[in-house]
């Protein structure tokens, strides 16, 4: 039996629902440069080694360019846009 992973706050991570994982896999582009693999036990997709989308528990994570269009899209749908700065 494997132990459940914990997030930084100490609560247990939940597995993504099977239906969500199936939908995620079904909508990924069928392109030779799209690599599907697990990250922290959740399905993700990469292009040229860079993750562009994935699941975490019941959420879909999408990497967007931090521009006004992405910000407006997130604001319109009331989706939090976490800005991560790489440097």
Foldseek 3Di string as FASTA:
>chain_A
DDDFDADPVGHGFAAADPVVLVVVVVPDDPDPQWDWDDDSRWIFIDGPRHTAWTDGHHDIDGDDDPDPVVVVVCVVVVHDDDDDDDD
